């Protein structure tokens, strides 16, 4: 009787685990889905969180080998590539951390830092 009860409990537990799934993918809703750039206001927040520690709030800090963004001559595509892939001077790639919309917004924000 005890063995039957334990078997029933174990079977029920396995059934519940199987019913919960496990191979389902959960959509990441923390990043914008659009490929259109986020607003400059939102891009400033993304820049502040991810870039300002090395580039500074106005792009001129130059900490940890960071370039002065206020005098950058890079075009839009080059800036986007740099954000996505990083460089061998210490800038990390952000393509896995930021959405396309966030990257495009930061590109526009960086361009606005130019003097």
PDB file of N, CA and C in Angstrom:
ATOM      1  N   UNK A   1       0.827  -1.196   0.000  1.00  0.00           N
ATOM      2  CA  UNK A   1       0.000   0.000   0.000  1.00  0.00           C
ATOM      3  C   UNK A   1       0.869   1.257   0.000  1.00  0.00           C
ATOM      4  N   UNK A   2       1.919   1.270   0.871  1.00  0.00           N
ATOM      5  CA  UNK A   2       2.819   2.423   0.935  1.00  0.00           C
ATOM      6  C   UNK A   2       3.552   2.585  -0.384  1.00  0.00           C
ATOM      7  N   UNK A   3       3.988   1.473  -0.977  1.00  0.00           N
ATOM      8  CA  UNK A   3       4.686   1.527  -2.256  1.00  0.00           C
ATOM      9  C   UNK A   3       3.777   2.092  -3.345  1.00  0.00           C
ATOM     10  N   UNK A   4       2.526   1.694  -3.359  1.00  0.00           N
ATOM     11  CA  UNK A   4       1.563   2.195  -4.328  1.00  0.00           C
ATOM     12  C   UNK A   4       1.335   3.691  -4.140  1.00  0.00           C
ATOM     13  N   UNK A   5       1.238   4.121  -2.882  1.00  0.00           N
ATOM     14  CA  UNK A   5       1.033   5.545  -2.592  1.00  0.00           C
ATOM     15  C   UNK A   5       2.249   6.359  -3.033  1.00  0.00           C
ATOM     16  N   UNK A   6       3.463   5.869  -2.733  1.00  0.00           N
ATOM     17  CA  UNK A   6       4.688   6.574  -3.140  1.00  0.00           C
ATOM     18  C   UNK A   6       4.811   6.622  -4.655  1.00  0.00           C
ATOM     19  N   UNK A   7       4.450   5.534  -5.324  1.00  0.00           N
ATOM     20  CA  UNK A   7       4.485   5.490  -6.777  1.00  0.00           C
ATOM     21  C   UNK A   7       3.496   6.488  -7.374  1.00  0.00           C
ATOM     22  N   UNK A   8       2.340   6.583  -6.775  1.00  0.00           N
ATOM     23  CA  UNK A   8       1.325   7.533  -7.232  1.00  0.00           C
ATOM     24  C   UNK A   8       1.812   8.975  -7.056  1.00  0.00           C
ATOM     25  N   UNK A   9       2.415   9.267  -5.910  1.00  0.00           N
ATOM     26  CA  UNK A   9       2.934  10.617  -5.647  1.00  0.00           C
ATOM     27  C   UNK A   9       4.051  10.949  -6.630  1.00  0.00           C
ATOM     28  N   UNK A  10       4.973  10.006  -6.848  1.00  0.00           N
ATOM     29  CA  UNK A  10       6.094  10.231  -7.771  1.00  0.00           C
ATOM     30  C   UNK A  10       5.588  10.430  -9.192  1.00  0.00           C
ATOM     31  N   UNK A  11       4.619   9.633  -9.593  1.00  0.00           N
ATOM     32  CA  UNK A  11       4.054   9.759 -10.944  1.00  0.00           C
ATOM     33  C   UNK A  11       3.377  11.110 -11.117  1.00  0.00           C
ATOM     34  N   UNK A  12       2.650  11.535 -10.113  1.00  0.00           N
ATOM     35  CA  UNK A  12       1.981  12.841 -10.178  1.00  0.00           C
ATOM     36  C   UNK A  12       2.993  13.973 -10.283  1.00  0.00           C
ATOM     37  N   UNK A  13       4.068  13.861  -9.518  1.00  0.00           N
ATOM     38  CA  UNK A  13       5.111  14.881  -9.541  1.00  0.00           C
ATOM     39  C   UNK A  13       5.751  14.955 -10.922  1.00  0.00           C
ATOM     40  N   UNK A  14       6.069  13.802 -11.509  1.00  0.00           N
ATOM     41  CA  UNK A  14       6.667  13.767 -12.853  1.00  0.00           C
ATOM     42  C   UNK A  14       5.710  14.354 -13.885  1.00  0.00           C
ATOM     43  N   UNK A  15       4.420  14.030 -13.740  1.00  0.00           N
ATOM     44  CA  UNK A  15       3.426  14.573 -14.659  1.00  0.00           C
ATOM     45  C   UNK A  15       3.378  16.097 -14.575  1.00  0.00           C
ATOM     46  N   UNK A  16       3.421  16.630 -13.363  1.00  0.00           N
ATOM     47  CA  UNK A  16       3.392  18.080 -13.178  1.00  0.00           C
ATOM     48  C   UNK A  16       4.625  18.738 -13.777  1.00  0.00           C
ATOM     49  N   UNK A  17       5.787  18.124 -13.584  1.00  0.00           N
ATOM     50  CA  UNK A  17       7.011  18.673 -14.170  1.00  0.00           C
ATOM     51  C   UNK A  17       6.932  18.680 -15.688  1.00  0.00           C
ATOM     52  N   UNK A  18       6.452  17.593 -16.259  1.00  0.00           N
ATOM     53  CA  UNK A  18       6.337  17.506 -17.711  1.00  0.00           C
ATOM     54  C   UNK A  18       5.344  18.530 -18.244  1.00  0.00           C
ATOM     55  N   UNK A  19       4.282  18.767 -17.501  1.00  0.00           N
ATOM     56  CA  UNK A  19       3.255  19.713 -17.937  1.00  0.00           C
ATOM     57  C   UNK A  19       3.761  21.146 -17.927  1.00  0.00           C
ATOM     58  N   UNK A  20       4.774  21.411 -17.116  1.00  0.00           N
ATOM     59  CA  UNK A  20       5.318  22.769 -17.036  1.00  0.00           C
ATOM     60  C   UNK A  20       6.095  23.145 -18.274  1.00  0.00           C
ATOM     61  N   UNK A  21       6.479  22.198 -19.067  1.00  0.00           N
ATOM     62  CA  UNK A  21       7.258  22.483 -20.266  1.00  0.00           C
ATOM     63  C   UNK A  21       8.716  22.601 -19.929  1.00  0.00           C
ATOM     64  N   UNK A  22       9.460  23.206 -20.794  1.00  0.00           N
ATOM     65  CA  UNK A  22      10.881  23.346 -20.575  1.00  0.00           C
ATOM     66  C   UNK A  22      11.577  23.677 -21.872  1.00  0.00           C
ATOM     67  N   UNK A  23      10.945  23.323 -22.974  1.00  0.00           N
ATOM     68  CA  UNK A  23      11.530  23.623 -24.275  1.00  0.00           C
ATOM     69  C   UNK A  23      10.925  24.866 -24.888  1.00  0.00           C
ATOM     70  N   UNK A  24      10.046  25.496 -24.174  1.00  0.00           N
ATOM     71  CA  UNK A  24       9.414  26.702 -24.685  1.00  0.00           C
ATOM     72  C   UNK A  24      10.388  27.863 -24.581  1.00  0.00           C
ATOM     73  N   UNK A  25      10.354  28.732 -25.565  1.00  0.00           N
ATOM     74  CA  UNK A  25      11.185  29.927 -25.496  1.00  0.00           C
ATOM     75  C   UNK A  25      10.344  31.065 -24.950  1.00  0.00           C
ATOM     76  N   UNK A  26      10.967  31.870 -24.164  1.00  0.00           N
ATOM     77  CA  UNK A  26      10.297  33.028 -23.587  1.00  0.00           C
ATOM     78  C   UNK A  26      10.820  34.255 -24.304  1.00  0.00           C
ATOM     79  N   UNK A  27       9.921  35.049 -24.836  1.00  0.00           N
ATOM     80  CA  UNK A  27      10.316  36.251 -25.556  1.00  0.00           C
ATOM     81  C   UNK A  27      10.883  37.281 -24.596  1.00  0.00           C
ATOM     82  N   UNK A  28      12.023  37.863 -24.977  1.00  0.00           N
ATOM     83  CA  UNK A  28      12.648  38.918 -24.176  1.00  0.00           C
ATOM     84  C   UNK A  28      11.907  40.211 -24.455  1.00  0.00           C
ATOM     85  N   UNK A  29      11.167  40.682 -23.469  1.00  0.00           N
ATOM     86  CA  UNK A  29      10.383  41.903 -23.656  1.00  0.00           C
ATOM     87  C   UNK A  29      11.081  43.120 -23.073  1.00  0.00           C
ATOM     88  N   UNK A  30      12.342  42.976 -22.681  1.00  0.00           N
ATOM     89  CA  UNK A  30      13.052  44.097 -22.076  1.00  0.00           C
ATOM     90  C   UNK A  30      13.667  45.009 -23.130  1.00  0.00           C
ATOM     91  N   UNK A  31      13.779  44.547 -24.363  1.00  0.00           N
ATOM     92  CA  UNK A  31      14.376  45.354 -25.411  1.00  0.00           C
ATOM     93  C   UNK A  31      13.332  45.695 -26.470  1.00  0.00           C
ATOM     94  N   UNK A  32      13.419  46.891 -27.035  1.00  0.00           N
ATOM     95  CA  UNK A  32      12.486  47.241 -28.097  1.00  0.00           C
ATOM     96  C   UNK A  32      12.639  46.287 -29.282  1.00  0.00           C
ATOM     97  N   UNK A  33      11.548  45.994 -29.982  1.00  0.00           N
ATOM     98  CA  UNK A  33      11.565  45.070 -31.097  1.00  0.00           C
ATOM     99  C   UNK A  33      11.831  45.796 -32.407  1.00  0.00           C
ATOM    100  N   UNK A  34      11.490  47.054 -32.519  1.00  0.00           N
ATOM    101  CA  UNK A  34      11.636  47.836 -33.740  1.00  0.00           C
ATOM    102  C   UNK A  34      13.106  48.052 -34.099  1.00  0.00           C
ATOM    103  N   UNK A  35      13.365  48.190 -35.409  1.00  0.00           N
ATOM    104  CA  UNK A  35      14.706  48.549 -35.871  1.00  0.00           C
ATOM    105  C   UNK A  35      14.863  50.053 -36.020  1.00  0.00           C
ATOM    106  N   UNK A  36      13.790  50.795 -35.766  1.00  0.00           N
ATOM    107  CA  UNK A  36      13.868  52.248 -35.779  1.00  0.00           C
ATOM    108  C   UNK A  36      14.590  52.691 -34.518  1.00  0.00           C
ATOM    109  N   UNK A  37      15.403  53.748 -34.607  1.00  0.00           N
ATOM    110  CA  UNK A  37      16.120  54.204 -33.410  1.00  0.00           C
ATOM    111  C   UNK A  37      15.159  54.604 -32.286  1.00  0.00           C
ATOM    112  N   UNK A  38      15.569  54.337 -31.075  1.00  0.00           N
ATOM    113  CA  UNK A  38      14.811  54.822 -29.928  1.00  0.00           C
ATOM    114  C   UNK A  38      14.963  56.337 -29.866  1.00  0.00           C
ATOM    115  N   UNK A  39      14.149  56.993 -29.084  1.00  0.00           N
ATOM    116  CA  UNK A  39      14.201  58.450 -28.981  1.00  0.00           C
ATOM    117  C   UNK A  39      15.553  58.891 -28.414  1.00  0.00           C
ATOM    118  N   UNK A  40      15.924  60.138 -28.683  1.00  0.00           N
ATOM    119  CA  UNK A  40      17.181  60.654 -28.141  1.00  0.00           C
ATOM    120  C   UNK A  40      17.178  60.653 -26.619  1.00  0.00           C
ATOM    121  N   UNK A  41      16.025  60.896 -26.029  1.00  0.00           N
ATOM    122  CA  UNK A  41      15.914  60.867 -24.570  1.00  0.00           C
ATOM    123  C   UNK A  41      16.207  59.452 -24.039  1.00  0.00           C
ATOM    124  N   UNK A  42      15.618  58.448 -24.677  1.00  0.00           N
ATOM    125  CA  UNK A  42      15.885  57.064 -24.283  1.00  0.00           C
ATOM    126  C   UNK A  42      17.331  56.678 -24.608  1.00  0.00           C
ATOM    127  N   UNK A  43      17.843  57.157 -25.740  1.00  0.00           N
ATOM    128  CA  UNK A  43      19.228  56.866 -26.116  1.00  0.00           C
ATOM    129  C   UNK A  43      20.205  57.469 -25.104  1.00  0.00           C
ATOM    130  N   UNK A  44      19.878  58.653 -24.584  1.00  0.00           N
ATOM    131  CA  UNK A  44      20.724  59.260 -23.555  1.00  0.00           C
ATOM    132  C   UNK A  44      20.786  58.346 -22.329  1.00  0.00           C
ATOM    133  N   UNK A  45      19.664  57.760 -21.951  1.00  0.00           N
ATOM    134  CA  UNK A  45      19.632  56.846 -20.800  1.00  0.00           C
ATOM    135  C   UNK A  45      20.473  55.601 -21.069  1.00  0.00           C
ATOM    136  N   UNK A  46      20.364  55.032 -22.276  1.00  0.00           N
ATOM    137  CA  UNK A  46      21.162  53.857 -22.641  1.00  0.00           C
ATOM    138  C   UNK A  46      22.645  54.226 -22.653  1.00  0.00           C
ATOM    139  N   UNK A  47      22.984  55.376 -23.235  1.00  0.00           N
ATOM    140  CA  UNK A  47      24.364  55.860 -23.269  1.00  0.00           C
ATOM    141  C   UNK A  47      24.889  56.057 -21.848  1.00  0.00           C
ATOM    142  N   UNK A  48      24.114  56.702 -21.000  1.00  0.00           N
ATOM    143  CA  UNK A  48      24.537  56.962 -19.622  1.00  0.00           C
ATOM    144  C   UNK A  48      24.825  55.655 -18.891  1.00  0.00           C
ATOM    145  N   UNK A  49      23.989  54.671 -19.081  1.00  0.00           N
ATOM    146  CA  UNK A  49      24.142  53.387 -18.406  1.00  0.00           C
ATOM    147  C   UNK A  49      25.325  52.582 -18.945  1.00  0.00           C
ATOM    148  N   UNK A  50      25.566  52.644 -20.250  1.00  0.00           N
ATOM    149  CA  UNK A  50      26.535  51.751 -20.871  1.00  0.00           C
ATOM    150  C   UNK A  50      27.828  52.411 -21.352  1.00  0.00           C
ATOM    151  N   UNK A  51      27.824  53.705 -21.575  1.00  0.00           N
ATOM    152  CA  UNK A  51      28.949  54.352 -22.247  1.00  0.00           C
ATOM    153  C   UNK A  51      29.623  55.458 -21.433  1.00  0.00           C
ATOM    154  N   UNK A  52      28.845  56.137 -20.608  1.00  0.00           N
ATOM    155  CA  UNK A  52      29.339  57.348 -19.937  1.00  0.00           C
ATOM    156  C   UNK A  52      30.481  57.075 -18.961  1.00  0.00           C
ATOM    157  N   UNK A  53      30.601  55.866 -18.438  1.00  0.00           N
ATOM    158  CA  UNK A  53      31.684  55.599 -17.485  1.00  0.00           C
ATOM    159  C   UNK A  53      33.051  55.753 -18.142  1.00  0.00           C
ATOM    160  N   UNK A  54      33.152  55.529 -19.427  1.00  0.00           N
ATOM    161  CA  UNK A  54      34.424  55.712 -20.145  1.00  0.00           C
ATOM    162  C   UNK A  54      34.435  56.976 -21.005  1.00  0.00           C
ATOM    163  N   UNK A  55      33.309  57.263 -21.651  1.00  0.00           N
ATOM    164  CA  UNK A  55      33.254  58.412 -22.567  1.00  0.00           C
ATOM    165  C   UNK A  55      32.790  59.695 -21.884  1.00  0.00           C
ATOM    166  N   UNK A  56      32.196  59.580 -20.699  1.00  0.00           N
ATOM    167  CA  UNK A  56      31.698  60.755 -19.998  1.00  0.00           C
ATOM    168  C   UNK A  56      30.343  61.181 -20.506  1.00  0.00           C
ATOM    169  N   UNK A  57      29.613  61.967 -19.730  1.00  0.00           N
ATOM    170  CA  UNK A  57      28.260  62.374 -20.126  1.00  0.00           C
ATOM    171  C   UNK A  57      28.233  63.213 -21.414  1.00  0.00           C
ATOM    172  N   UNK A  58      29.321  63.927 -21.684  1.00  0.00           N
ATOM    173  CA  UNK A  58      29.375  64.749 -22.893  1.00  0.00           C
ATOM    174  C   UNK A  58      30.303  64.175 -23.962  1.00  0.00           C
ATOM    175  N   UNK A  59      30.816  62.954 -23.725  1.00  0.00           N
ATOM    176  CA  UNK A  59      31.663  62.279 -24.705  1.00  0.00           C
ATOM    177  C   UNK A  59      33.136  62.613 -24.632  1.00  0.00           C
ATOM    178  N   UNK A  60      33.557  63.422 -23.666  1.00  0.00           N
ATOM    179  CA  UNK A  60      34.946  63.911 -23.652  1.00  0.00           C
ATOM    180  C   UNK A  60      35.834  63.292 -22.567  1.00  0.00           C
ATOM    181  N   UNK A  61      35.356  62.355 -21.787  1.00  0.00           N
ATOM    182  CA  UNK A  61      36.095  61.848 -20.626  1.00  0.00           C
ATOM    183  C   UNK A  61      37.387  61.125 -21.000  1.00  0.00           C
ATOM    184  N   UNK A  62      37.359  60.266 -21.977  1.00  0.00           N
ATOM    185  CA  UNK A  62      38.522  59.517 -22.455  1.00  0.00           C
ATOM    186  C   UNK A  62      39.129  58.598 -21.392  1.00  0.00           C
ATOM    187  N   UNK A  63      38.323  58.024 -20.530  1.00  0.00           N
ATOM    188  CA  UNK A  63      38.811  57.066 -19.532  1.00  0.00           C
ATOM    189  C   UNK A  63      39.033  55.712 -20.200  1.00  0.00           C
ATOM    190  N   UNK A  64      40.002  54.963 -19.731  1.00  0.00           N
ATOM    191  CA  UNK A  64      40.273  53.597 -20.225  1.00  0.00           C
ATOM    192  C   UNK A  64      40.458  53.542 -21.742  1.00  0.00           C
ATOM    193  N   UNK A  65      41.212  54.472 -22.290  1.00  0.00           N
ATOM    194  CA  UNK A  65      41.504  54.551 -23.732  1.00  0.00           C
ATOM    195  C   UNK A  65      40.303  54.936 -24.599  1.00  0.00           C
ATOM    196  N   UNK A  66      39.220  55.391 -23.997  1.00  0.00           N
ATOM    197  CA  UNK A  66      38.037  55.779 -24.772  1.00  0.00           C
ATOM    198  C   UNK A  66      38.337  57.026 -25.599  1.00  0.00           C
ATOM    199  N   UNK A  67      37.768  57.075 -26.769  1.00  0.00           N
ATOM    200  CA  UNK A  67      37.939  58.229 -27.654  1.00  0.00           C
ATOM    201  C   UNK A  67      37.040  59.378 -27.214  1.00  0.00           C
ATOM    202  N   UNK A  68      37.471  60.587 -27.545  1.00  0.00           N
ATOM    203  CA  UNK A  68      36.654  61.784 -27.320  1.00  0.00           C
ATOM    204  C   UNK A  68      35.596  61.818 -28.419  1.00  0.00           C
ATOM    205  N   UNK A  69      34.377  61.515 -28.055  1.00  0.00           N
ATOM    206  CA  UNK A  69      33.299  61.430 -29.039  1.00  0.00           C
ATOM    207  C   UNK A  69      32.900  62.787 -29.593  1.00  0.00           C
ATOM    208  N   UNK A  70      33.262  63.852 -28.901  1.00  0.00           N
ATOM    209  CA  UNK A  70      32.884  65.192 -29.367  1.00  0.00           C
ATOM    210  C   UNK A  70      33.680  65.610 -30.600  1.00  0.00           C
ATOM    211  N   UNK A  71      34.771  64.939 -30.862  1.00  0.00           N
ATOM    212  CA  UNK A  71      35.590  65.264 -32.036  1.00  0.00           C
ATOM    213  C   UNK A  71      35.702  64.087 -33.008  1.00  0.00           C
ATOM    214  N   UNK A  72      34.895  63.066 -32.796  1.00  0.00           N
ATOM    215  CA  UNK A  72      34.938  61.869 -33.645  1.00  0.00           C
ATOM    216  C   UNK A  72      34.585  62.209 -35.082  1.00  0.00           C
ATOM    217  N   UNK A  73      35.271  61.568 -36.006  1.00  0.00           N
ATOM    218  CA  UNK A  73      35.012  61.743 -37.440  1.00  0.00           C
ATOM    219  C   UNK A  73      34.326  60.513 -38.037  1.00  0.00           C
ATOM    220  N   UNK A  74      33.984  59.537 -37.197  1.00  0.00           N
ATOM    221  CA  UNK A  74      33.345  58.326 -37.703  1.00  0.00           C
ATOM    222  C   UNK A  74      31.960  58.639 -38.257  1.00  0.00           C
ATOM    223  N   UNK A  75      31.605  57.946 -39.357  1.00  0.00           N
ATOM    224  CA  UNK A  75      30.261  58.129 -39.906  1.00  0.00           C
ATOM    225  C   UNK A  75      29.283  57.215 -39.165  1.00  0.00           C
ATOM    226  N   UNK A  76      28.015  57.315 -39.509  1.00  0.00           N
ATOM    227  CA  UNK A  76      26.959  56.575 -38.819  1.00  0.00           C
ATOM    228  C   UNK A  76      27.214  55.061 -38.816  1.00  0.00           C
ATOM    229  N   UNK A  77      27.575  54.517 -39.966  1.00  0.00           N
ATOM    230  CA  UNK A  77      27.843  53.081 -40.069  1.00  0.00           C
ATOM    231  C   UNK A  77      29.034  52.651 -39.240  1.00  0.00           C
ATOM    232  N   UNK A  78      30.077  53.472 -39.224  1.00  0.00           N
ATOM    233  CA  UNK A  78      31.269  53.153 -38.434  1.00  0.00           C
ATOM    234  C   UNK A  78      30.975  53.201 -36.932  1.00  0.00           C
ATOM    235  N   UNK A  79      30.173  54.167 -36.524  1.00  0.00           N
ATOM    236  CA  UNK A  79      29.794  54.260 -35.103  1.00  0.00           C
ATOM    237  C   UNK A  79      28.976  53.020 -34.718  1.00  0.00           C
ATOM    238  N   UNK A  80      28.017  52.661 -35.560  1.00  0.00           N
ATOM    239  CA  UNK A  80      27.188  51.486 -35.270  1.00  0.00           C
ATOM    240  C   UNK A  80      28.049  50.229 -35.181  1.00  0.00           C
ATOM    241  N   UNK A  81      28.975  50.065 -36.099  1.00  0.00           N
ATOM    242  CA  UNK A  81      29.865  48.902 -36.084  1.00  0.00           C
ATOM    243  C   UNK A  81      30.696  48.872 -34.800  1.00  0.00           C
ATOM    244  N   UNK A  82      31.199  50.016 -34.384  1.00  0.00           N
ATOM    245  CA  UNK A  82      32.002  50.104 -33.166  1.00  0.00           C
ATOM    246  C   UNK A  82      31.180  49.709 -31.944  1.00  0.00           C
ATOM    247  N   UNK A  83      29.949  50.176 -31.880  1.00  0.00           N
ATOM    248  CA  UNK A  83      29.086  49.819 -30.748  1.00  0.00           C
ATOM    249  C   UNK A  83      28.799  48.323 -30.766  1.00  0.00           C
ATOM    250  N   UNK A  84      28.484  47.789 -31.933  1.00  0.00           N
ATOM    251  CA  UNK A  84      28.156  46.365 -32.036  1.00  0.00           C
ATOM    252  C   UNK A  84      29.349  45.467 -31.719  1.00  0.00           C
ATOM    253  N   UNK A  85      30.498  45.760 -32.295  1.00  0.00           N
ATOM    254  CA  UNK A  85      31.649  44.850 -32.248  1.00  0.00           C
ATOM    255  C   UNK A  85      32.724  45.238 -31.241  1.00  0.00           C
ATOM    256  N   UNK A  86      32.703  46.481 -30.757  1.00  0.00           N
ATOM    257  CA  UNK A  86      33.760  46.930 -29.858  1.00  0.00           C
ATOM    258  C   UNK A  86      35.054  47.115 -30.628  1.00  0.00           C
ATOM    259  N   UNK A  87      36.168  47.166 -29.904  1.00  0.00           N
ATOM    260  CA  UNK A  87      37.471  47.282 -30.568  1.00  0.00           C
ATOM    261  C   UNK A  87      38.557  46.615 -29.728  1.00  0.00           C
ATOM    262  N   UNK A  88      39.758  46.605 -30.253  1.00  0.00           N
ATOM    263  CA  UNK A  88      40.867  45.954 -29.552  1.00  0.00           C
ATOM    264  C   UNK A  88      41.562  46.890 -28.561  1.00  0.00           C
ATOM    265  N   UNK A  89      41.007  48.054 -28.320  1.00  0.00           N
ATOM    266  CA  UNK A  89      41.583  49.010 -27.377  1.00  0.00           C
ATOM    267  C   UNK A  89      40.836  49.012 -26.040  1.00  0.00           C
ATOM    268  N   UNK A  90      39.881  48.119 -25.878  1.00  0.00           N
ATOM    269  CA  UNK A  90      39.198  47.997 -24.602  1.00  0.00           C
ATOM    270  C   UNK A  90      37.692  48.171 -24.638  1.00  0.00           C
ATOM    271  N   UNK A  91      37.154  48.646 -25.763  1.00  0.00           N
ATOM    272  CA  UNK A  91      35.695  48.795 -25.824  1.00  0.00           C
ATOM    273  C   UNK A  91      35.070  47.433 -26.098  1.00  0.00           C
ATOM    274  N   UNK A  92      34.144  47.073 -25.234  1.00  0.00           N
ATOM    275  CA  UNK A  92      33.465  45.787 -25.387  1.00  0.00           C
ATOM    276  C   UNK A  92      32.359  45.866 -26.425  1.00  0.00           C
ATOM    277  N   UNK A  93      32.004  44.740 -27.039  1.00  0.00           N
ATOM    278  CA  UNK A  93      30.884  44.733 -27.989  1.00  0.00           C
ATOM    279  C   UNK A  93      29.548  44.761 -27.251  1.00  0.00           C
ATOM    280  N   UNK A  94      28.604  45.460 -27.825  1.00  0.00           N
ATOM    281  CA  UNK A  94      27.280  45.590 -27.212  1.00  0.00           C
ATOM    282  C   UNK A  94      26.181  44.920 -28.025  1.00  0.00           C
ATOM    283  N   UNK A  95      26.528  44.194 -29.087  1.00  0.00           N
ATOM    284  CA  UNK A  95      25.493  43.607 -29.939  1.00  0.00           C
ATOM    285  C   UNK A  95      24.642  42.566 -29.223  1.00  0.00           C
ATOM    286  N   UNK A  96      25.150  41.958 -28.168  1.00  0.00           N
ATOM    287  CA  UNK A  96      24.368  40.978 -27.410  1.00  0.00           C
ATOM    288  C   UNK A  96      23.607  41.628 -26.250  1.00  0.00           C
ATOM    289  N   UNK A  97      23.965  42.869 -25.921  1.00  0.00           N
ATOM    290  CA  UNK A  97      23.368  43.542 -24.771  1.00  0.00           C
ATOM    291  C   UNK A  97      22.307  44.564 -25.153  1.00  0.00           C
ATOM    292  N   UNK A  98      22.440  45.143 -26.334  1.00  0.00           N
ATOM    293  CA  UNK A  98      21.516  46.190 -26.771  1.00  0.00           C
ATOM    294  C   UNK A  98      20.758  45.734 -28.008  1.00  0.00           C
ATOM    295  N   UNK A  99      19.545  46.173 -28.131  1.00  0.00           N
ATOM    296  CA  UNK A  99      18.755  45.883 -29.329  1.00  0.00           C
ATOM    297  C   UNK A  99      19.240  46.759 -30.478  1.00  0.00           C
ATOM    298  N   UNK A 100      18.825  46.406 -31.677  1.00  0.00           N
ATOM    299  CA  UNK A 100      19.157  47.223 -32.848  1.00  0.00           C
ATOM    300  C   UNK A 100      18.624  48.641 -32.680  1.00  0.00           C
ATOM    301  N   UNK A 101      17.406  48.769 -32.167  1.00  0.00           N
ATOM    302  CA  UNK A 101      16.812  50.092 -31.960  1.00  0.00           C
ATOM    303  C   UNK A 101      17.626  50.905 -30.954  1.00  0.00           C
ATOM    304  N   UNK A 102      18.091  50.258 -29.899  1.00  0.00           N
ATOM    305  CA  UNK A 102      18.909  50.965 -28.906  1.00  0.00           C
ATOM    306  C   UNK A 102      20.244  51.389 -29.500  1.00  0.00           C
ATOM    307  N   UNK A 103      20.883  50.492 -30.255  1.00  0.00           N
ATOM    308  CA  UNK A 103      22.164  50.831 -30.885  1.00  0.00           C
ATOM    309  C   UNK A 103      21.989  51.994 -31.840  1.00  0.00           C
ATOM    310  N   UNK A 104      20.963  51.951 -32.677  1.00  0.00           N
ATOM    311  CA  UNK A 104      20.732  53.050 -33.632  1.00  0.00           C
ATOM    312  C   UNK A 104      20.437  54.361 -32.906  1.00  0.00           C
ATOM    313  N   UNK A 105      19.741  54.295 -31.795  1.00  0.00           N
ATOM    314  CA  UNK A 105      19.484  55.491 -30.995  1.00  0.00           C
ATOM    315  C   UNK A 105      20.760  56.051 -30.401  1.00  0.00           C
ATOM    316  N   UNK A 106      21.629  55.168 -29.896  1.00  0.00           N
ATOM    317  CA  UNK A 106      22.901  55.627 -29.324  1.00  0.00           C
ATOM    318  C   UNK A 106      23.779  56.235 -30.413  1.00  0.00           C
ATOM    319  N   UNK A 107      23.735  55.681 -31.611  1.00  0.00           N
ATOM    320  CA  UNK A 107      24.478  56.271 -32.740  1.00  0.00           C
ATOM    321  C   UNK A 107      24.048  57.721 -32.932  1.00  0.00           C
ATOM    322  N   UNK A 108      22.745  57.955 -32.985  1.00  0.00           N
ATOM    323  CA  UNK A 108      22.232  59.326 -33.159  1.00  0.00           C
ATOM    324  C   UNK A 108      22.646  60.210 -31.987  1.00  0.00           C
ATOM    325  N   UNK A 109      22.591  59.656 -30.773  1.00  0.00           N
ATOM    326  CA  UNK A 109      22.979  60.436 -29.591  1.00  0.00           C
ATOM    327  C   UNK A 109      24.463  60.811 -29.659  1.00  0.00           C
ATOM    328  N   UNK A 110      25.299  59.853 -30.025  1.00  0.00           N
ATOM    329  CA  UNK A 110      26.743  60.111 -30.137  1.00  0.00           C
ATOM    330  C   UNK A 110      27.015  61.182 -31.190  1.00  0.00           C
ATOM    331  N   UNK A 111      26.310  61.116 -32.309  1.00  0.00           N
ATOM    332  CA  UNK A 111      26.491  62.139 -33.350  1.00  0.00           C
ATOM    333  C   UNK A 111      26.133  63.527 -32.819  1.00  0.00           C
ATOM    334  N   UNK A 112      25.172  63.595 -31.915  1.00  0.00           N
ATOM    335  CA  UNK A 112      24.780  64.887 -31.324  1.00  0.00           C
ATOM    336  C   UNK A 112      25.786  65.411 -30.310  1.00  0.00           C
ATOM    337  N   UNK A 113      26.734  64.586 -29.891  1.00  0.00           N
ATOM    338  CA  UNK A 113      27.765  65.036 -28.957  1.00  0.00           C
ATOM    339  C   UNK A 113      28.874  65.818 -29.653  1.00  0.00           C
ATOM    340  N   UNK A 114      28.907  65.764 -30.961  1.00  0.00           N
ATOM    341  CA  UNK A 114      29.973  66.438 -31.712  1.00  0.00           C
ATOM    342  C   UNK A 114      29.864  67.934 -31.585  1.00  0.00           C
ATOM    343  N   UNK A 115      31.032  68.552 -31.509  1.00  0.00           N
ATOM    344  CA  UNK A 115      31.097  70.020 -31.365  1.00  0.00           C
ATOM    345  C   UNK A 115      31.016  70.697 -32.717  1.00  0.00           C
TER     346      UNK A 115
END
